N, C-alpha and C. Protein backbone atom coordinates (compact mmCIF):
# COMPACT_ATOMS: atom_id res chain seq x y z
N MET A 1 103.57 106.46 95.04
CA MET A 1 104.49 107.60 94.16
C MET A 1 103.50 108.60 93.68
N LYS A 2 104.61 110.00 93.93
CA LYS A 2 103.69 111.28 93.24
C LYS A 2 103.74 110.99 91.83
N LEU A 3 102.80 111.78 91.38
CA LEU A 3 102.56 111.87 89.93
C LEU A 3 104.17 112.65 89.51
N LYS A 4 104.61 113.46 90.02
CA LYS A 4 105.82 113.82 89.14
C LYS A 4 106.73 112.82 89.19
N ASP A 5 107.07 111.86 89.99
CA ASP A 5 107.98 110.58 90.23
C ASP A 5 107.35 109.41 89.10
N LYS A 6 106.14 109.50 89.25
CA LYS A 6 105.36 108.82 87.86
C LYS A 6 106.06 108.95 86.68
N LEU A 7 105.71 110.39 86.45
CA LEU A 7 106.28 111.02 85.09
C LEU A 7 107.70 110.65 84.71
N LYS A 8 108.53 110.75 85.98
CA LYS A 8 109.79 110.75 85.62
C LYS A 8 110.35 109.41 85.06
N THR A 9 109.49 108.52 85.80
CA THR A 9 109.86 107.00 85.97
C THR A 9 109.65 106.75 84.19
N VAL A 10 108.70 107.30 83.72
CA VAL A 10 108.10 106.64 82.25
C VAL A 10 108.87 107.51 81.44
N LEU A 11 108.59 108.88 81.39
CA LEU A 11 109.37 109.77 80.66
C LEU A 11 110.89 110.59 80.96
N GLY A 12 111.29 110.21 81.91
CA GLY A 12 112.62 110.83 82.18
C GLY A 12 112.42 111.90 82.96
N ALA A 13 113.40 112.55 83.75
CA ALA A 13 113.55 113.96 84.04
C ALA A 13 113.30 114.98 83.36
N ALA A 14 113.80 114.83 82.30
CA ALA A 14 114.04 116.14 81.40
C ALA A 14 112.79 116.55 81.20
N ALA A 15 111.98 115.67 80.74
CA ALA A 15 110.42 116.05 80.09
C ALA A 15 109.72 116.73 81.14
N VAL A 16 109.78 116.09 82.69
CA VAL A 16 109.06 116.68 83.75
C VAL A 16 109.77 117.74 84.19
N ALA A 17 110.97 118.21 84.13
CA ALA A 17 111.48 119.44 84.26
C ALA A 17 111.13 120.74 83.27
N GLY A 18 110.97 120.47 82.08
CA GLY A 18 110.31 121.16 81.06
C GLY A 18 108.80 121.46 81.54
N LEU A 19 108.33 120.58 81.80
CA LEU A 19 106.75 120.63 82.16
C LEU A 19 106.64 121.74 83.26
N LEU A 20 107.50 121.70 84.48
CA LEU A 20 107.29 122.59 85.54
C LEU A 20 107.90 123.88 85.55
N ALA A 21 108.80 123.87 84.30
CA ALA A 21 109.60 125.25 84.23
C ALA A 21 108.42 126.62 83.85
N GLY A 22 108.24 127.62 84.12
CA GLY A 22 107.70 128.77 83.62
C GLY A 22 106.28 128.32 82.89
N GLY A 23 105.80 129.12 82.31
CA GLY A 23 104.51 129.07 81.60
C GLY A 23 103.20 129.55 82.49
N SER A 24 102.18 129.86 81.71
CA SER A 24 100.95 130.18 82.58
C SER A 24 100.36 128.93 83.47
N ALA A 25 99.54 129.07 84.24
CA ALA A 25 98.81 127.94 84.93
C ALA A 25 98.02 127.26 83.52
N ALA A 26 97.25 127.69 83.23
CA ALA A 26 96.42 127.04 82.07
C ALA A 26 97.42 126.12 80.94
N ALA A 27 98.51 126.76 80.59
CA ALA A 27 99.29 126.30 80.01
C ALA A 27 100.19 124.97 80.25
N LYS A 28 100.85 125.24 81.77
CA LYS A 28 101.11 123.95 82.54
C LYS A 28 99.90 122.52 82.52
N ALA A 29 98.82 123.05 83.01
CA ALA A 29 97.85 122.20 83.23
C ALA A 29 97.62 121.47 81.72
N GLU A 30 97.53 122.14 80.55
CA GLU A 30 97.19 121.45 79.40
C GLU A 30 98.67 120.54 79.11
N SER A 31 99.68 120.91 79.46
CA SER A 31 100.57 120.21 78.96
C SER A 31 100.78 119.27 80.12
N ALA A 32 100.31 119.34 81.12
CA ALA A 32 100.52 118.03 82.60
C ALA A 32 99.71 117.34 81.90
N ALA A 33 98.32 117.53 81.23
CA ALA A 33 97.56 116.55 81.07
C ALA A 33 97.86 115.79 79.51
N ASP A 34 98.74 116.31 78.81
CA ASP A 34 99.39 115.79 77.80
C ASP A 34 100.36 114.70 77.75
N ILE A 35 101.14 115.26 78.77
CA ILE A 35 102.20 114.37 79.10
C ILE A 35 101.54 112.91 79.97
N ALA A 36 100.64 113.24 80.95
CA ALA A 36 100.19 112.04 81.29
C ALA A 36 99.61 111.06 80.54
N VAL A 37 99.11 111.50 79.52
CA VAL A 37 98.44 110.57 78.11
C VAL A 37 99.52 109.90 77.66
N GLU A 38 101.04 110.74 77.39
CA GLU A 38 101.99 110.37 76.62
C GLU A 38 102.80 109.23 77.71
N ALA A 39 102.57 109.52 78.53
CA ALA A 39 103.28 108.44 79.66
C ALA A 39 102.41 107.26 79.83
N ALA A 40 101.29 107.55 79.98
CA ALA A 40 100.50 106.40 79.82
C ALA A 40 100.68 105.36 78.73
N LYS A 41 100.43 106.05 77.43
CA LYS A 41 100.95 105.49 76.58
C LYS A 41 102.12 104.72 76.29
N GLN A 42 103.07 105.41 76.48
CA GLN A 42 104.53 104.77 76.62
C GLN A 42 104.39 103.48 77.55
N TYR A 43 104.10 103.61 78.67
CA TYR A 43 104.02 102.77 79.71
C TYR A 43 103.53 101.46 78.96
N SER A 44 102.00 101.66 78.50
CA SER A 44 101.40 100.45 78.15
C SER A 44 101.82 99.85 76.74
N GLY A 45 102.74 100.78 75.95
CA GLY A 45 103.21 100.13 75.02
C GLY A 45 104.47 99.01 75.20
N THR A 46 105.01 99.32 76.44
CA THR A 46 106.02 98.58 76.95
C THR A 46 105.92 97.30 77.48
N THR A 47 104.20 97.24 78.10
CA THR A 47 104.13 96.17 78.80
C THR A 47 102.49 95.42 78.36
N LEU A 48 101.95 95.68 77.12
CA LEU A 48 100.68 95.39 76.72
C LEU A 48 100.69 95.67 75.29
N THR A 49 99.94 94.70 74.53
CA THR A 49 99.72 94.90 73.11
C THR A 49 98.58 95.63 73.13
N VAL A 50 98.50 97.08 72.89
CA VAL A 50 97.26 98.11 73.21
C VAL A 50 97.35 99.03 71.98
N ILE A 51 96.36 99.15 71.41
CA ILE A 51 96.29 100.35 70.38
C ILE A 51 95.25 101.23 70.66
N TRP A 52 95.38 102.27 71.05
CA TRP A 52 94.17 103.32 71.61
C TRP A 52 94.79 104.84 71.20
N GLU A 53 93.87 105.51 71.45
CA GLU A 53 94.10 107.10 71.01
C GLU A 53 92.70 107.57 71.80
N GLY A 54 93.16 109.24 72.21
CA GLY A 54 92.05 109.80 72.36
C GLY A 54 92.49 110.74 73.42
N SER A 55 91.51 111.84 73.64
CA SER A 55 91.77 113.03 74.71
C SER A 55 92.06 112.77 75.94
N PRO A 56 92.59 113.42 76.88
CA PRO A 56 92.59 113.20 78.29
C PRO A 56 91.51 112.60 79.15
N LEU A 57 90.36 113.76 78.85
CA LEU A 57 88.90 113.40 79.14
C LEU A 57 88.28 111.83 78.78
N GLU A 58 88.78 111.43 77.86
CA GLU A 58 87.95 110.32 77.00
C GLU A 58 88.96 109.15 77.78
N LEU A 59 90.23 109.34 77.97
CA LEU A 59 91.26 108.09 78.49
C LEU A 59 90.54 108.08 79.89
N TYR A 60 90.35 108.86 80.39
CA TYR A 60 89.83 109.25 82.18
C TYR A 60 88.73 108.62 82.44
N GLU A 61 87.65 108.86 81.33
CA GLU A 61 86.47 108.43 81.38
C GLU A 61 86.56 106.98 80.98
N ARG A 62 86.89 106.32 79.97
CA ARG A 62 86.98 105.16 79.56
C ARG A 62 88.46 104.68 79.13
N PRO A 63 89.18 104.25 80.26
CA PRO A 63 90.74 103.73 80.21
C PRO A 63 90.67 102.55 79.51
N VAL A 64 91.51 102.29 79.17
CA VAL A 64 91.76 100.66 78.30
C VAL A 64 92.23 99.53 79.18
N ASN A 65 93.28 99.95 80.36
CA ASN A 65 93.84 99.18 81.20
C ASN A 65 93.87 99.69 82.50
N LYS A 66 94.19 98.84 83.52
CA LYS A 66 94.61 99.51 84.66
C LYS A 66 95.56 100.56 85.01
N PHE A 67 96.69 100.20 84.14
CA PHE A 67 97.69 101.47 84.30
C PHE A 67 96.68 102.91 83.92
N VAL A 68 96.70 102.98 82.94
CA VAL A 68 95.74 104.31 82.51
C VAL A 68 94.57 104.58 83.52
N ALA A 69 93.97 103.76 83.91
CA ALA A 69 93.01 104.15 84.76
C ALA A 69 93.44 104.63 86.26
N GLY A 70 94.58 104.08 86.67
CA GLY A 70 95.05 104.77 87.78
C GLY A 70 95.78 105.55 87.85
N PHE A 71 96.36 106.03 86.38
CA PHE A 71 97.38 106.94 86.25
C PHE A 71 96.81 108.42 85.88
N LEU A 72 95.63 108.26 85.36
CA LEU A 72 94.99 109.79 85.09
C LEU A 72 93.95 110.13 86.29
N GLY A 73 93.92 110.78 86.98
CA GLY A 73 93.08 111.46 87.95
C GLY A 73 93.62 111.30 89.30
N SER A 74 93.52 112.26 90.33
CA SER A 74 93.96 112.59 91.53
C SER A 74 93.14 112.90 92.70
N PRO A 75 92.86 112.13 93.37
CA PRO A 75 93.66 111.13 94.04
C PRO A 75 93.19 109.94 93.11
N ALA A 76 94.42 108.69 93.05
CA ALA A 76 94.08 107.76 92.12
C ALA A 76 92.75 107.18 92.03
N MET A 77 92.56 106.27 91.15
CA MET A 77 91.33 105.23 91.13
C MET A 77 91.67 104.23 92.30
N ASN A 78 90.52 103.85 93.02
CA ASN A 78 90.58 102.67 94.20
C ASN A 78 90.38 101.46 93.31
N PHE A 79 91.04 100.18 93.28
CA PHE A 79 91.01 98.99 92.48
C PHE A 79 90.73 97.92 93.84
N ILE A 80 89.23 97.59 94.36
CA ILE A 80 88.75 96.77 94.74
C ILE A 80 88.58 95.47 94.61
N PRO A 81 88.82 94.28 95.01
CA PRO A 81 88.56 92.99 94.36
C PRO A 81 87.17 92.83 94.76
N ALA A 82 86.65 91.84 93.58
CA ALA A 82 85.35 91.79 93.43
C ALA A 82 84.82 90.40 92.84
N THR A 83 83.46 89.64 93.12
CA THR A 83 83.76 88.72 92.54
C THR A 83 81.96 88.78 91.47
N ILE A 84 82.04 88.79 90.15
CA ILE A 84 80.88 88.97 89.71
C ILE A 84 79.77 87.89 90.09
N GLU A 85 78.77 88.36 90.19
CA GLU A 85 77.39 87.67 90.50
C GLU A 85 76.28 87.72 89.52
N ALA A 86 75.97 86.99 88.52
CA ALA A 86 74.96 87.14 87.66
C ALA A 86 73.53 87.20 88.62
N ASN A 87 72.72 88.31 87.85
CA ASN A 87 71.40 88.82 88.53
C ASN A 87 70.70 89.61 87.60
N GLY A 88 70.34 88.76 86.74
CA GLY A 88 69.40 89.21 85.45
C GLY A 88 69.75 90.16 84.60
N ASP A 89 69.25 91.40 84.48
CA ASP A 89 69.32 92.38 83.80
C ASP A 89 70.54 93.34 84.43
N ALA A 90 70.96 93.06 86.15
CA ALA A 90 71.88 93.84 86.34
C ALA A 90 72.91 93.16 87.39
N PRO A 91 74.05 92.67 86.43
CA PRO A 91 74.94 91.73 87.51
C PRO A 91 75.68 92.44 88.55
N CYS A 92 75.86 91.94 89.59
CA CYS A 92 76.29 92.47 90.62
C CYS A 92 77.93 92.04 91.10
N PHE A 93 78.45 93.19 92.04
CA PHE A 93 79.98 92.40 92.24
C PHE A 93 80.09 92.48 93.86
N ARG A 94 80.28 91.25 94.33
CA ARG A 94 80.41 91.07 95.64
C ARG A 94 81.44 91.54 95.96
N LEU A 95 81.56 92.17 97.16
CA LEU A 95 83.11 92.63 97.58
C LEU A 95 83.24 91.90 98.86
N ALA A 96 84.24 91.92 99.83
CA ALA A 96 84.41 91.63 101.11
C ALA A 96 83.50 91.91 102.11
N GLY A 97 83.27 91.43 102.92
CA GLY A 97 82.02 91.46 103.87
C GLY A 97 80.89 91.45 103.25
N ASP A 98 80.87 90.91 102.32
CA ASP A 98 79.25 90.32 101.84
C ASP A 98 78.77 91.69 101.13
N LEU A 99 79.37 92.84 100.90
CA LEU A 99 78.80 93.83 100.35
C LEU A 99 78.90 93.45 98.78
N ARG A 100 77.76 94.28 98.37
CA ARG A 100 77.39 94.04 96.66
C ARG A 100 77.10 95.32 96.15
N LEU A 101 77.30 95.36 94.94
CA LEU A 101 77.04 96.96 93.91
C LEU A 101 76.66 96.00 92.73
N ALA A 102 75.58 96.66 92.44
CA ALA A 102 75.15 96.22 91.09
C ALA A 102 75.82 97.26 89.88
N LEU A 103 76.02 96.77 88.84
CA LEU A 103 76.00 97.73 87.35
C LEU A 103 74.50 98.14 87.16
N PRO A 104 74.45 99.29 86.07
CA PRO A 104 72.77 99.56 85.93
C PRO A 104 72.92 98.55 84.56
N ALA A 105 71.50 98.44 84.11
CA ALA A 105 71.20 97.38 83.18
C ALA A 105 72.12 97.75 81.94
N ALA A 106 72.17 99.00 81.40
CA ALA A 106 72.59 99.48 80.29
C ALA A 106 73.97 99.02 80.09
N ARG A 107 74.61 98.88 81.32
CA ARG A 107 75.94 98.50 81.45
C ARG A 107 76.27 96.88 81.53
N ALA A 108 75.13 96.08 81.26
CA ALA A 108 75.38 94.83 81.92
C ALA A 108 76.29 93.96 80.73
N GLY A 109 75.91 94.04 79.82
CA GLY A 109 76.67 93.29 78.36
C GLY A 109 76.72 91.93 78.76
N ASP A 110 77.82 91.56 78.65
CA ASP A 110 77.76 89.88 78.85
C ASP A 110 78.54 89.82 80.35
N PHE A 111 78.28 90.54 81.31
CA PHE A 111 78.89 90.05 82.77
C PHE A 111 78.17 89.10 83.29
N ASN A 112 77.16 88.62 83.11
CA ASN A 112 76.12 87.53 83.37
C ASN A 112 77.18 86.46 83.08
N ALA A 113 77.73 86.57 81.77
CA ALA A 113 78.20 85.40 81.67
C ALA A 113 79.66 84.77 82.33
N ARG A 114 79.85 86.06 82.80
CA ARG A 114 81.22 85.78 83.42
C ARG A 114 81.11 85.51 84.99
N ALA A 115 79.86 85.31 85.50
CA ALA A 115 79.62 84.55 86.67
C ALA A 115 80.74 84.29 87.65
N ALA A 116 80.93 84.58 88.68
CA ALA A 116 82.32 83.53 89.59
C ALA A 116 83.37 84.44 89.21
N ARG A 117 83.54 85.07 88.17
CA ARG A 117 85.04 85.54 87.95
C ARG A 117 85.55 86.26 88.86
N GLN A 118 86.42 86.42 89.01
CA GLN A 118 87.35 87.22 89.94
C GLN A 118 87.49 88.56 89.43
N VAL A 119 87.61 89.71 89.65
CA VAL A 119 87.86 91.23 88.75
C VAL A 119 88.60 92.08 90.13
N LEU A 120 88.80 93.25 89.16
CA LEU A 120 89.12 94.33 90.39
C LEU A 120 88.23 95.46 89.75
N LEU A 121 87.50 95.83 90.81
CA LEU A 121 86.46 96.96 90.46
C LEU A 121 87.00 98.27 90.38
N GLY A 122 86.98 99.11 89.72
CA GLY A 122 87.91 100.29 89.44
C GLY A 122 86.83 101.46 90.13
N ILE A 123 86.85 102.09 91.11
CA ILE A 123 86.06 103.44 91.29
C ILE A 123 87.03 104.40 91.99
N ARG A 124 86.46 105.41 91.16
CA ARG A 124 87.15 106.96 91.54
C ARG A 124 86.60 107.69 92.57
N PRO A 125 87.87 107.92 93.41
CA PRO A 125 87.37 108.85 94.99
C PRO A 125 86.23 109.74 94.59
N GLU A 126 86.38 110.66 93.44
CA GLU A 126 85.35 111.72 93.20
C GLU A 126 84.00 110.81 92.66
N HIS A 127 83.70 109.52 92.35
CA HIS A 127 82.91 109.21 91.79
C HIS A 127 81.95 108.34 92.93
N MET A 128 82.24 108.91 94.30
CA MET A 128 81.59 108.61 95.56
C MET A 128 81.20 109.88 96.41
N HIS A 129 79.36 109.75 96.45
CA HIS A 129 78.93 110.60 97.08
C HIS A 129 78.15 110.34 98.65
N ARG A 130 78.07 111.42 99.15
CA ARG A 130 77.27 111.33 100.26
C ARG A 130 75.93 110.90 100.13
N GLN A 131 75.00 109.78 100.76
CA GLN A 131 73.90 109.57 100.86
C GLN A 131 72.62 110.77 101.11
N ARG A 132 72.00 111.31 99.79
CA ARG A 132 70.90 112.30 100.29
C ARG A 132 69.56 111.95 100.37
N GLU A 133 68.79 112.86 101.17
CA GLU A 133 67.15 112.24 101.22
C GLU A 133 67.00 112.10 99.80
N GLY A 134 65.70 111.31 99.62
CA GLY A 134 65.06 111.18 98.37
C GLY A 134 65.82 110.41 97.52
N ALA A 135 65.01 109.93 96.47
CA ALA A 135 65.40 108.87 95.66
C ALA A 135 66.75 108.81 95.00
N PRO A 136 67.80 107.97 95.24
CA PRO A 136 69.07 107.90 94.19
C PRO A 136 68.93 108.29 92.79
N GLN A 137 70.15 108.66 92.24
CA GLN A 137 70.16 108.77 90.98
C GLN A 137 70.25 107.09 90.32
N ALA A 138 69.78 107.01 88.89
CA ALA A 138 69.86 105.99 88.32
C ALA A 138 71.15 105.32 88.37
N GLY A 139 71.58 104.16 88.56
CA GLY A 139 72.97 103.50 88.62
C GLY A 139 73.84 104.14 89.66
N PHE A 140 73.45 104.63 90.80
CA PHE A 140 74.02 104.61 92.09
C PHE A 140 73.77 103.46 93.08
N GLU A 141 74.90 103.03 93.86
CA GLU A 141 74.38 102.14 94.40
C GLU A 141 74.98 102.57 96.04
N ALA A 142 74.28 102.13 97.20
CA ALA A 142 74.51 102.67 98.29
C ALA A 142 75.53 101.30 98.96
N LEU A 143 76.64 101.94 99.87
CA LEU A 143 77.62 101.64 100.08
C LEU A 143 78.17 101.58 101.68
N PRO A 144 77.53 100.82 102.71
CA PRO A 144 77.89 101.45 103.88
C PRO A 144 79.41 101.19 104.45
N VAL A 145 79.97 102.22 104.93
CA VAL A 145 81.36 102.10 105.33
C VAL A 145 81.55 102.58 106.78
N GLY A 146 82.60 102.11 107.21
CA GLY A 146 83.35 102.66 108.61
C GLY A 146 84.29 103.57 108.23
N ILE A 147 84.17 104.72 108.75
CA ILE A 147 85.13 105.79 108.38
C ILE A 147 86.33 105.52 109.38
N GLU A 148 87.92 105.72 108.82
CA GLU A 148 88.86 105.45 109.54
C GLU A 148 89.71 106.65 109.88
N ILE A 149 89.64 107.70 108.70
CA ILE A 149 90.66 108.85 108.41
C ILE A 149 89.67 109.99 107.81
N VAL A 150 89.55 111.30 108.08
CA VAL A 150 88.88 112.36 107.73
C VAL A 150 90.07 113.15 107.43
N GLU A 151 90.10 113.59 106.15
CA GLU A 151 91.31 114.66 106.05
C GLU A 151 90.74 115.90 105.09
N PRO A 152 90.30 117.10 105.90
CA PRO A 152 89.73 118.17 105.51
C PRO A 152 91.00 118.80 104.17
N MET A 153 90.45 119.18 102.98
CA MET A 153 91.40 119.85 102.26
C MET A 153 91.18 121.05 101.41
N GLY A 154 89.96 121.86 102.28
CA GLY A 154 89.66 123.07 101.68
C GLY A 154 88.43 122.95 100.74
N ALA A 155 88.47 122.89 99.54
CA ALA A 155 87.58 122.48 98.46
C ALA A 155 86.82 121.39 98.64
N ASN A 156 87.52 120.29 99.22
CA ASN A 156 86.80 118.92 99.47
C ASN A 156 87.61 118.34 100.67
N THR A 157 86.70 117.13 101.09
CA THR A 157 87.53 116.22 102.00
C THR A 157 87.64 114.76 101.52
N LEU A 158 88.35 114.16 101.98
CA LEU A 158 89.22 112.77 101.83
C LEU A 158 88.59 111.96 102.82
N ILE A 159 87.95 110.96 102.71
CA ILE A 159 87.60 109.96 103.66
C ILE A 159 87.97 108.69 103.30
N ASN A 160 88.89 108.14 104.38
CA ASN A 160 89.63 106.61 104.06
C ASN A 160 88.71 105.55 105.00
N PHE A 161 88.58 104.58 104.16
CA PHE A 161 88.09 103.25 105.05
C PHE A 161 88.58 102.34 104.09
N HIS A 162 88.01 101.15 104.56
CA HIS A 162 88.45 99.80 104.25
C HIS A 162 87.75 98.96 103.81
N ILE A 163 87.60 98.28 102.69
CA ILE A 163 86.79 97.25 102.07
C ILE A 163 87.53 95.91 102.17
N GLY A 164 87.22 95.12 103.28
CA GLY A 164 88.25 93.89 103.62
C GLY A 164 89.55 94.12 103.73
N LYS A 165 90.33 93.92 103.03
CA LYS A 165 91.97 94.07 103.55
C LYS A 165 92.32 95.51 102.35
N THR A 166 91.45 95.80 101.43
CA THR A 166 91.57 97.05 100.48
C THR A 166 91.50 98.65 101.35
N SER A 167 92.31 99.32 101.51
CA SER A 167 91.85 100.51 101.92
C SER A 167 91.54 101.52 100.60
N VAL A 168 90.51 102.34 100.74
CA VAL A 168 89.85 102.86 99.64
C VAL A 168 89.62 104.33 100.12
N LEU A 169 89.71 105.31 99.26
CA LEU A 169 89.83 106.54 99.60
C LEU A 169 88.27 107.55 98.59
N ALA A 170 87.82 107.86 99.33
CA ALA A 170 86.74 109.10 98.70
C ALA A 170 86.93 110.19 98.69
N ARG A 171 86.35 110.95 97.86
CA ARG A 171 86.52 112.62 97.51
C ARG A 171 85.16 113.12 97.98
N LEU A 172 84.87 113.91 98.86
CA LEU A 172 83.30 114.42 99.21
C LEU A 172 83.75 115.71 99.06
N ASP A 173 82.21 116.53 98.96
CA ASP A 173 82.22 117.85 98.88
C ASP A 173 82.86 118.41 100.48
N ALA A 174 83.16 119.75 100.47
CA ALA A 174 83.91 120.12 101.50
C ALA A 174 82.84 120.34 102.55
N TYR A 175 83.29 120.90 103.76
CA TYR A 175 82.44 121.02 105.06
C TYR A 175 81.94 119.66 105.71
N ALA A 176 82.71 118.67 105.42
CA ALA A 176 82.49 117.35 106.29
C ALA A 176 82.27 117.38 107.28
N ASP A 177 81.35 116.86 108.06
CA ASP A 177 80.86 117.27 109.93
C ASP A 177 81.50 115.52 110.36
N GLU A 178 81.74 114.50 109.28
CA GLU A 178 82.05 112.96 109.95
C GLU A 178 83.32 112.96 110.69
N GLN A 179 83.41 111.96 111.39
CA GLN A 179 84.50 111.90 112.12
C GLN A 179 85.26 110.41 112.34
N PRO A 180 86.16 109.91 112.17
CA PRO A 180 86.77 108.83 112.56
C PRO A 180 85.99 107.78 113.67
N GLY A 181 85.71 106.76 113.26
CA GLY A 181 84.92 105.87 113.83
C GLY A 181 83.17 105.62 113.80
N GLU A 182 82.98 106.95 112.87
CA GLU A 182 81.18 106.65 112.48
C GLU A 182 81.23 105.94 111.04
N GLU A 183 79.78 105.87 111.12
CA GLU A 183 79.27 104.93 109.72
C GLU A 183 78.80 105.86 108.98
N LEU A 184 79.23 105.49 107.91
CA LEU A 184 78.78 106.61 106.61
C LEU A 184 78.11 105.60 105.18
N THR A 185 77.11 105.96 104.77
CA THR A 185 76.62 105.34 103.76
C THR A 185 76.73 106.24 102.61
N LEU A 186 77.95 105.87 101.61
CA LEU A 186 78.08 106.30 100.34
C LEU A 186 77.22 106.00 99.31
N LEU A 187 77.10 106.60 98.24
CA LEU A 187 76.60 106.47 96.89
C LEU A 187 77.35 106.29 96.09
N ILE A 188 77.72 105.02 95.13
CA ILE A 188 78.90 104.82 94.47
C ILE A 188 78.24 105.14 93.01
N ASP A 189 78.97 105.71 92.00
CA ASP A 189 78.45 105.91 90.50
C ASP A 189 78.68 104.77 89.69
N MET A 190 77.93 103.82 89.50
CA MET A 190 78.46 102.81 89.05
C MET A 190 78.03 102.67 87.20
N ASN A 191 77.65 103.89 87.11
CA ASN A 191 77.77 104.36 85.88
C ASN A 191 79.25 104.35 85.18
N ARG A 192 80.16 104.87 86.14
CA ARG A 192 81.45 105.17 85.81
C ARG A 192 82.38 104.30 86.12
N ALA A 193 82.18 103.22 87.13
CA ALA A 193 82.94 102.33 87.36
C ALA A 193 83.49 101.51 86.63
N VAL A 194 84.83 101.09 86.62
CA VAL A 194 85.63 100.24 85.48
C VAL A 194 85.74 98.75 86.20
N VAL A 195 85.77 97.85 85.08
CA VAL A 195 86.12 96.13 85.35
C VAL A 195 87.20 96.20 85.20
N VAL A 196 88.06 95.52 85.77
CA VAL A 196 89.63 95.21 85.09
C VAL A 196 90.00 93.80 85.77
N ASP A 197 90.38 92.83 84.46
CA ASP A 197 90.59 91.76 84.73
C ASP A 197 91.97 91.66 85.25
N PRO A 198 92.25 91.02 86.53
CA PRO A 198 93.25 91.17 87.38
C PRO A 198 94.43 90.36 86.84
N ASP A 199 94.48 89.47 85.65
CA ASP A 199 95.61 89.08 85.10
C ASP A 199 96.35 89.60 83.99
N SER A 200 95.24 90.25 82.90
CA SER A 200 95.50 91.02 81.94
C SER A 200 95.90 92.66 82.18
N GLU A 201 95.33 93.05 83.37
CA GLU A 201 95.09 94.31 83.72
C GLU A 201 94.28 95.15 82.38
N ALA A 202 93.69 94.39 81.60
CA ALA A 202 92.69 94.98 80.65
C ALA A 202 91.65 95.34 81.40
N VAL A 203 90.73 96.54 80.89
CA VAL A 203 89.70 96.82 81.32
C VAL A 203 88.64 95.87 80.53
N ILE A 204 87.42 95.15 81.16
CA ILE A 204 86.49 94.34 80.47
C ILE A 204 85.54 95.22 80.00
């Protein structure tokens, strides 16, 4: 569903029409962010017992539930089924195909106590990067993938692949020379990953 249609569903056509009518690009962008936040709040209020507030950037970085995480940001956040595995100071998330991604120690919290729990690992397309030469940054985990679709968008390139049965989208910088059928190793910024309870849809 397109963002405009999402907004219509939650706020109604009149509010969206007002957003799209006239005004400078900067004003429209500010209004869009405000409306997106309000839509997320209204949606959450009808389905969950949640009290929260914050700027669009704060909600983008630290969403409280799956809806907010998926609503703010375009392309939308990927939600990948995973199982928590205890691993000392850095718990791992086991994905389909026996792939594993570890959380940084600073984010470990009580995830080791949740070992064997099924979760959704939320990763934004823009938080995936091509593997470069040299040591990766702290909190970045390597993920080998098989490219299925390459979509140049001018300023960036969208790469589509699957992890198990889940379709995943990565947004990389421009001038990509990758081709469908090739293998690619991505670096996943686990500092900014989101962990969601699939039952309550709350962020853990």
